């Protein structure tokens, strides 16, 4: 398995796509139930293969990731050959990026002395999608890139 198996909730959300995936292998609902009962390892393998297909599709379409924690924001633009990272450090220990009022304050006062910015680019050292998956497993979320774009324009 290249990535990780989807969660039960993700499988429920993608039940139609999973049924279509099984149909491409001439497995209908009745056959699927029989496989689950009589050949659980085969069923597990089908779940794993489907999970990898879904992850590969999602990661291939991912352009931006973000990870927001109490005192740090990591924003990533995921290009085909390199990843660009913008890091924001909050120096005020009385505020938190996880507090919505403090986060709104940050958005309105991004040039305040309480923020340090760092920007860097790096070539992928592993396949692109593998690196993005690792960032997601460490807590990053797929985003539309609005925060990345705004801060990138701000810091140049």
Protein backbone atom coordinates (compact mmCIF):
# COMPACT_ATOMS: atom_id res chain seq x y z
CA UNK A 1 0.00 0.00 0.00
CA UNK A 2 1.40 3.33 -1.05
CA UNK A 3 -0.55 5.61 1.31
CA UNK A 4 -3.04 4.55 3.99
CA UNK A 5 -6.47 3.06 3.90
CA UNK A 6 -9.30 5.56 3.83
CA UNK A 7 -11.28 5.94 7.03
CA UNK A 8 -14.70 4.36 7.43
CA UNK A 9 -16.24 7.82 7.03
CA UNK A 10 -14.33 8.40 3.80
CA UNK A 11 -15.47 5.04 2.42
CA UNK A 12 -19.07 5.90 3.29
CA UNK A 13 -18.68 9.25 1.52
CA UNK A 14 -17.19 7.50 -1.52
CA UNK A 15 -19.51 4.47 -1.59
CA UNK A 16 -20.71 5.22 -5.13
CA UNK A 17 -17.15 5.54 -6.45
CA UNK A 18 -16.16 2.34 -4.61
CA UNK A 19 -19.06 0.48 -6.20
CA UNK A 20 -17.92 1.71 -9.62
CA UNK A 21 -14.36 0.64 -8.81
CA UNK A 22 -15.57 -2.86 -7.91
CA UNK A 23 -17.71 -2.97 -11.06
CA UNK A 24 -14.60 -2.43 -13.20
CA UNK A 25 -13.43 -5.74 -11.75
CA UNK A 26 -16.79 -7.48 -12.37
CA UNK A 27 -17.59 -7.44 -8.63
CA UNK A 28 -21.22 -6.60 -7.86
CA UNK A 29 -22.77 -6.02 -4.42
CA UNK A 30 -23.59 -9.71 -3.91
CA UNK A 31 -20.08 -10.79 -4.87
CA UNK A 32 -18.57 -8.10 -2.63
CA UNK A 33 -20.48 -9.35 0.42
CA UNK A 34 -19.36 -12.90 -0.34
CA UNK A 35 -15.71 -11.78 -0.67
CA UNK A 36 -15.91 -9.91 2.65
CA UNK A 37 -17.26 -13.02 4.40
CA UNK A 38 -15.18 -15.72 2.74
CA UNK A 39 -11.97 -13.94 1.74
CA UNK A 40 -11.39 -11.05 4.15
CA UNK A 41 -7.76 -10.60 3.07
CA UNK A 42 -8.89 -10.15 -0.54
CA UNK A 43 -11.51 -7.64 0.58
CA UNK A 44 -8.85 -5.78 2.56
CA UNK A 45 -6.62 -5.67 -0.53
CA UNK A 46 -9.47 -4.20 -2.62
CA UNK A 47 -9.99 -1.52 0.05
CA UNK A 48 -6.26 -0.76 -0.01
CA UNK A 49 -6.09 -0.53 -3.79
CA UNK A 50 -9.12 1.77 -3.89
CA UNK A 51 -7.63 3.92 -1.12
CA UNK A 52 -4.39 4.35 -3.08
CA UNK A 53 -6.33 5.30 -6.22
CA UNK A 54 -8.30 7.93 -4.30
CA UNK A 55 -5.23 9.33 -2.53
CA UNK A 56 -3.27 9.48 -5.79
CA UNK A 57 -6.11 11.40 -7.45
CA UNK A 58 -6.54 13.84 -4.55
CA UNK A 59 -2.82 14.47 -4.12
CA UNK A 60 -2.30 14.99 -7.85
CA UNK A 61 -4.89 17.78 -7.76
CA UNK A 62 -3.57 19.38 -4.55
CA UNK A 63 -2.04 22.80 -5.08
CA UNK A 64 -1.93 24.18 -1.53
CA UNK A 65 -1.59 22.84 2.00
CA UNK A 66 -1.69 24.64 5.31
CA UNK A 67 -0.94 23.70 8.87
CA UNK A 68 -1.97 26.09 11.61
CA UNK A 69 -0.91 25.51 15.20
CA UNK A 70 -0.88 27.66 18.32
CA UNK A 71 2.21 29.73 17.49
CA UNK A 72 3.03 28.74 13.89
CA UNK A 73 1.49 28.76 10.44
CA UNK A 74 3.01 26.68 7.65
CA UNK A 75 1.66 27.37 4.18
CA UNK A 76 2.71 25.32 1.18
CA UNK A 77 2.33 25.88 -2.54
CA UNK A 78 2.79 22.47 -4.14
CA UNK A 79 4.14 22.91 -7.64
CA UNK A 80 5.10 20.05 -9.92
CA UNK A 81 8.88 20.21 -9.31
CA UNK A 82 9.17 22.10 -6.02
CA UNK A 83 7.30 23.09 -2.91
CA UNK A 84 7.26 26.67 -1.65
CA UNK A 85 6.84 27.14 2.09
CA UNK A 86 5.83 30.25 3.95
CA UNK A 87 6.31 30.02 7.70
CA UNK A 88 4.75 32.51 10.11
CA UNK A 89 5.87 32.58 13.74
CA UNK A 90 3.78 34.25 16.42
CA UNK A 91 6.03 35.81 19.06
CA UNK A 92 3.27 37.00 21.41
CA UNK A 93 2.78 34.19 23.95
CA UNK A 94 -0.58 35.67 24.99
CA UNK A 95 -2.11 35.05 21.58
CA UNK A 96 -2.79 31.90 19.57
CA UNK A 97 -3.44 31.27 15.88
CA UNK A 98 -5.97 28.67 17.06
CA UNK A 99 -8.10 31.34 18.77
CA UNK A 100 -10.45 32.80 16.16
CA UNK A 101 -10.27 36.35 17.57
CA UNK A 102 -6.47 36.24 17.62
CA UNK A 103 -6.40 34.80 14.11
CA UNK A 104 -8.66 37.60 12.87
CA UNK A 105 -6.35 40.09 14.61
CA UNK A 106 -3.42 38.53 12.72
CA UNK A 107 -5.27 38.87 9.40
CA UNK A 108 -5.91 42.57 10.09
CA UNK A 109 -2.41 43.28 11.45
CA UNK A 110 -0.03 41.03 9.49
CA UNK A 111 2.85 43.49 9.66
CA UNK A 112 2.76 43.70 13.45
CA UNK A 113 6.09 43.18 15.22
CA UNK A 114 4.70 39.98 16.80
CA UNK A 115 5.09 38.08 13.51
CA UNK A 116 8.20 36.71 11.82
CA UNK A 117 8.04 35.43 8.26
CA UNK A 118 10.22 32.95 6.44
CA UNK A 119 9.89 31.80 2.84
CA UNK A 120 11.79 29.05 1.05
CA UNK A 121 11.57 26.71 -1.91
CA UNK A 122 12.82 23.17 -2.17
CA UNK A 123 12.83 20.48 -4.77
CA UNK A 124 11.01 17.31 -3.81
CA UNK A 125 13.33 14.63 -2.44
CA UNK A 126 10.67 11.94 -2.86
CA UNK A 127 7.82 11.63 -5.35
CA UNK A 128 5.67 14.78 -5.07
CA UNK A 129 2.53 13.02 -3.90
CA UNK A 130 4.44 11.06 -1.24
CA UNK A 131 5.78 14.29 0.24
CA UNK A 132 2.33 15.91 0.20
CA UNK A 133 0.84 12.83 1.87
CA UNK A 134 3.48 13.03 4.64
CA UNK A 135 2.55 16.67 5.25
CA UNK A 136 -1.12 15.72 5.47
CA UNK A 137 -0.34 12.89 7.90
CA UNK A 138 1.55 15.44 10.05
CA UNK A 139 -1.56 17.64 10.26
CA UNK A 140 -1.63 19.76 7.12
CA UNK A 141 -4.95 20.39 5.43
CA UNK A 142 -5.62 20.82 1.74
CA UNK A 143 -6.58 24.44 1.06
CA UNK A 144 -7.50 26.73 -1.80
CA UNK A 145 -4.38 28.81 -1.18
CA UNK A 146 -6.04 32.07 -0.20
CA UNK A 147 -3.89 32.57 2.92
CA UNK A 148 -0.73 31.53 1.04
CA UNK A 149 -1.48 34.00 -1.76
CA UNK A 150 -2.29 36.88 0.62
CA UNK A 151 0.84 36.42 2.74
CA UNK A 152 3.01 35.81 -0.30
CA UNK A 153 1.88 39.16 -1.74
CA UNK A 154 2.51 40.80 1.61
CA UNK A 155 6.06 39.54 2.07
CA UNK A 156 7.01 39.38 -1.62
